[in-house]
Amino acid sequence: MRNTQQGFTLIELVVVIVILGILAATALPKFIDLSGDAKTAKVEGVAGAVASSASIQYAGNKVNSTTYPYAQGDACSGNYLQTGMPTGCAGVNTSGTCVVTCDSVAATGFTLP
């Protein structure tokens, strides 16, 4: 009766560990930069909300200026958002262009109506 060996050799195990190390080294930078992507997504989302609220308030102002007063400075500072500007975020209005900044990350400026 022949006795066959079962299992992996040391060389096979080392090769697998090396391959896993190479995969980890190439994938790790993608996961490290996720916090930067999250901050960018946050500021872009807040800027979109500010732009939408400004447009809605502006449209309401065109229908009834007494009920829906509109000012670009109020729009950019988030006063037309239901809960106001999120913590750590601020908007700056410069000649009708609003730039929203959250946690030191600035969104692309957009033109207020």
C-alpha atoms as a PDB file:
ATOM      1  CA  MET A   1       0.000   0.000   0.000  1.00  0.00           C
ATOM      2  CA  ARG A   2       1.372   3.379  -0.987  1.00  0.00           C
ATOM      3  CA  ASN A   3       1.278   6.197   1.485  1.00  0.00           C
ATOM      4  CA  THR A   4       0.656   9.497  -0.337  1.00  0.00           C
ATOM      5  CA  GLN A   5       1.413  12.782   1.309  1.00  0.00           C
ATOM      6  CA  GLN A   6      -1.330  15.321   1.724  1.00  0.00           C
ATOM      7  CA  GLY A   7      -1.004  19.039   2.311  1.00  0.00           C
ATOM      8  CA  PHE A   8       0.982  21.933   0.959  1.00  0.00           C
ATOM      9  CA  THR A   9       4.715  22.292   0.799  1.00  0.00           C
ATOM     10  CA  LEU A  10       6.500  25.176   2.468  1.00  0.00           C
ATOM     11  CA  ILE A  11       7.280  26.733  -0.915  1.00  0.00           C
ATOM     12  CA  GLU A  12       3.607  26.728  -1.920  1.00  0.00           C
ATOM     13  CA  LEU A  13       2.625  28.429   1.337  1.00  0.00           C
ATOM     14  CA  VAL A  14       5.332  31.076   0.931  1.00  0.00           C
ATOM     15  CA  VAL A  15       4.203  31.787  -2.642  1.00  0.00           C
ATOM     16  CA  VAL A  16       0.602  32.270  -1.477  1.00  0.00           C
ATOM     17  CA  ILE A  17       1.720  34.619   1.318  1.00  0.00           C
ATOM     18  CA  VAL A  18       3.807  36.659  -1.134  1.00  0.00           C
ATOM     19  CA  ILE A  19       0.867  36.948  -3.547  1.00  0.00           C
ATOM     20  CA  LEU A  20      -1.438  38.058  -0.723  1.00  0.00           C
ATOM     21  CA  GLY A  21       1.155  40.636   0.346  1.00  0.00           C
ATOM     22  CA  ILE A  22       1.363  42.056  -3.167  1.00  0.00           C
ATOM     23  CA  LEU A  23      -2.435  42.284  -3.398  1.00  0.00           C
ATOM     24  CA  ALA A  24      -2.616  44.010  -0.017  1.00  0.00           C
ATOM     25  CA  ALA A  25       0.091  46.500  -0.986  1.00  0.00           C
ATOM     26  CA  THR A  26      -1.770  47.490  -4.146  1.00  0.00           C
ATOM     27  CA  ALA A  27      -5.222  47.685  -2.514  1.00  0.00           C
ATOM     28  CA  LEU A  28      -4.244  49.512   0.693  1.00  0.00           C
ATOM     29  CA  PRO A  29      -3.800  53.002  -0.838  1.00  0.00           C
ATOM     30  CA  LYS A  30      -7.369  52.834  -2.167  1.00  0.00           C
ATOM     31  CA  PHE A  31      -8.755  52.300   1.341  1.00  0.00           C
ATOM     32  CA  ILE A  32      -6.513  54.872   3.005  1.00  0.00           C
ATOM     33  CA  ASP A  33      -7.897  57.713   0.855  1.00  0.00           C
ATOM     34  CA  LEU A  34     -11.547  56.932   1.603  1.00  0.00           C
ATOM     35  CA  SER A  35     -11.717  59.661   4.258  1.00  0.00           C
ATOM     36  CA  GLY A  36     -10.754  62.277   1.667  1.00  0.00           C
ATOM     37  CA  ASP A  37     -13.419  60.971  -0.699  1.00  0.00           C
ATOM     38  CA  ALA A  38     -15.996  61.080   2.098  1.00  0.00           C
ATOM     39  CA  LYS A  39     -15.159  64.699   2.938  1.00  0.00           C
ATOM     40  CA  THR A  40     -15.431  65.672  -0.724  1.00  0.00           C
ATOM     41  CA  ALA A  41     -18.786  63.899  -1.028  1.00  0.00           C
ATOM     42  CA  LYS A  42     -20.031  65.660   2.108  1.00  0.00           C
ATOM     43  CA  VAL A  43     -19.159  69.143   0.889  1.00  0.00           C
ATOM     44  CA  GLU A  44     -20.598  68.464  -2.582  1.00  0.00           C
ATOM     45  CA  GLY A  45     -23.820  67.193  -1.006  1.00  0.00           C
ATOM     46  CA  VAL A  46     -24.147  70.248   1.229  1.00  0.00           C
ATOM     47  CA  ALA A  47     -23.436  72.548  -1.719  1.00  0.00           C
ATOM     48  CA  GLY A  48     -26.147  70.803  -3.733  1.00  0.00           C
ATOM     49  CA  ALA A  49     -28.627  71.193  -0.886  1.00  0.00           C
ATOM     50  CA  VAL A  50     -27.799  74.900  -0.535  1.00  0.00           C
ATOM     51  CA  ALA A  51     -28.190  75.431  -4.290  1.00  0.00           C
ATOM     52  CA  SER A  52     -31.535  73.605  -4.326  1.00  0.00           C
ATOM     53  CA  SER A  53     -32.888  75.489  -1.319  1.00  0.00           C
ATOM     54  CA  ALA A  54     -31.820  78.803  -2.866  1.00  0.00           C
ATOM     55  CA  SER A  55     -33.578  77.950  -6.138  1.00  0.00           C
ATOM     56  CA  ILE A  56     -36.776  76.912  -4.357  1.00  0.00           C
ATOM     57  CA  GLN A  57     -36.794  80.050  -2.204  1.00  0.00           C
ATOM     58  CA  TYR A  58     -36.073  82.230  -5.258  1.00  0.00           C
ATOM     59  CA  ALA A  59     -38.950  80.635  -7.189  1.00  0.00           C
ATOM     60  CA  GLY A  60     -41.267  81.171  -4.221  1.00  0.00           C
ATOM     61  CA  ASN A  61     -40.130  84.785  -4.039  1.00  0.00           C
ATOM     62  CA  LYS A  62     -41.111  85.328  -7.665  1.00  0.00           C
ATOM     63  CA  VAL A  63     -44.612  84.067  -6.850  1.00  0.00           C
ATOM     64  CA  ASN A  64     -45.067  85.860  -3.523  1.00  0.00           C
ATOM     65  CA  SER A  65     -42.266  88.100  -2.283  1.00  0.00           C
ATOM     66  CA  THR A  66     -43.961  88.742   1.073  1.00  0.00           C
ATOM     67  CA  THR A  67     -44.209  85.082   2.092  1.00  0.00           C
ATOM     68  CA  TYR A  68     -40.893  84.021   0.552  1.00  0.00           C
ATOM     69  CA  PRO A  69     -38.258  86.733   1.004  1.00  0.00           C
ATOM     70  CA  TYR A  70     -35.004  86.020  -0.832  1.00  0.00           C
ATOM     71  CA  ALA A  71     -31.451  87.283  -0.354  1.00  0.00           C
ATOM     72  CA  GLN A  72     -28.299  85.752  -1.846  1.00  0.00           C
ATOM     73  CA  GLY A  73     -26.414  86.094   1.437  1.00  0.00           C
ATOM     74  CA  ASP A  74     -29.109  84.165   3.299  1.00  0.00           C
ATOM     75  CA  ALA A  75     -29.161  81.502   0.601  1.00  0.00           C
ATOM     76  CA  CYS A  76     -25.414  80.908   0.717  1.00  0.00           C
ATOM     77  CA  SER A  77     -25.282  80.795   4.513  1.00  0.00           C
ATOM     78  CA  GLY A  78     -27.836  77.976   4.544  1.00  0.00           C
ATOM     79  CA  ASN A  79     -30.696  79.954   6.092  1.00  0.00           C
ATOM     80  CA  TYR A  80     -33.172  78.379   3.673  1.00  0.00           C
ATOM     81  CA  LEU A  81     -32.205  74.829   4.675  1.00  0.00           C
ATOM     82  CA  GLN A  82     -34.720  73.236   7.033  1.00  0.00           C
ATOM     83  CA  THR A  83     -32.136  72.469   9.742  1.00  0.00           C
ATOM     84  CA  GLY A  84     -29.584  75.098   8.731  1.00  0.00           C
ATOM     85  CA  MET A  85     -26.013  74.534   7.655  1.00  0.00           C
ATOM     86  CA  PRO A  86     -24.465  71.291   9.008  1.00  0.00           C
ATOM     87  CA  THR A  87     -21.855  71.532  11.761  1.00  0.00           C
ATOM     88  CA  GLY A  88     -18.408  72.334  10.386  1.00  0.00           C
ATOM     89  CA  CYS A  89     -19.760  73.816   7.148  1.00  0.00           C
ATOM     90  CA  ALA A  90     -19.996  77.422   6.004  1.00  0.00           C
ATOM     91  CA  GLY A  91     -20.950  79.244   2.836  1.00  0.00           C
ATOM     92  CA  VAL A  92     -19.355  82.397   1.446  1.00  0.00           C
ATOM     93  CA  ASN A  93     -21.157  84.572  -1.109  1.00  0.00           C
ATOM     94  CA  THR A  94     -18.905  86.555  -3.436  1.00  0.00           C
ATOM     95  CA  SER A  95     -20.765  88.584  -6.057  1.00  0.00           C
ATOM     96  CA  GLY A  96     -23.483  85.959  -6.508  1.00  0.00           C
ATOM     97  CA  THR A  97     -21.162  82.957  -6.440  1.00  0.00           C
ATOM     98  CA  CYS A  98     -21.501  80.724  -3.396  1.00  0.00           C
ATOM     99  CA  VAL A  99     -18.618  78.541  -2.203  1.00  0.00           C
ATOM    100  CA  VAL A 100     -19.434  75.987   0.507  1.00  0.00           C
ATOM    101  CA  THR A 101     -16.623  74.724   2.750  1.00  0.00           C
ATOM    102  CA  CYS A 102     -16.862  71.760   5.137  1.00  0.00           C
ATOM    103  CA  ASP A 103     -13.948  70.584   7.288  1.00  0.00           C
ATOM    104  CA  SER A 104     -11.428  72.611   5.236  1.00  0.00           C
ATOM    105  CA  VAL A 105     -12.662  71.107   1.938  1.00  0.00           C
ATOM    106  CA  ALA A 106     -14.254  73.571  -0.500  1.00  0.00           C
ATOM    107  CA  ALA A 107     -16.862  72.704  -3.101  1.00  0.00           C
ATOM    108  CA  THR A 108     -16.868  74.156  -6.580  1.00  0.00           C
ATOM    109  CA  GLY A 109     -18.589  77.522  -6.475  1.00  0.00           C
ATOM    110  CA  PHE A 110     -22.062  77.801  -7.949  1.00  0.00           C
ATOM    111  CA  THR A 111     -24.034  80.814  -9.114  1.00  0.00           C
ATOM    112  CA  LEU A 112     -26.945  81.846  -6.945  1.00  0.00           C
ATOM    113  CA  PRO A 113     -30.233  82.815  -8.613  1.00  0.00           C
END
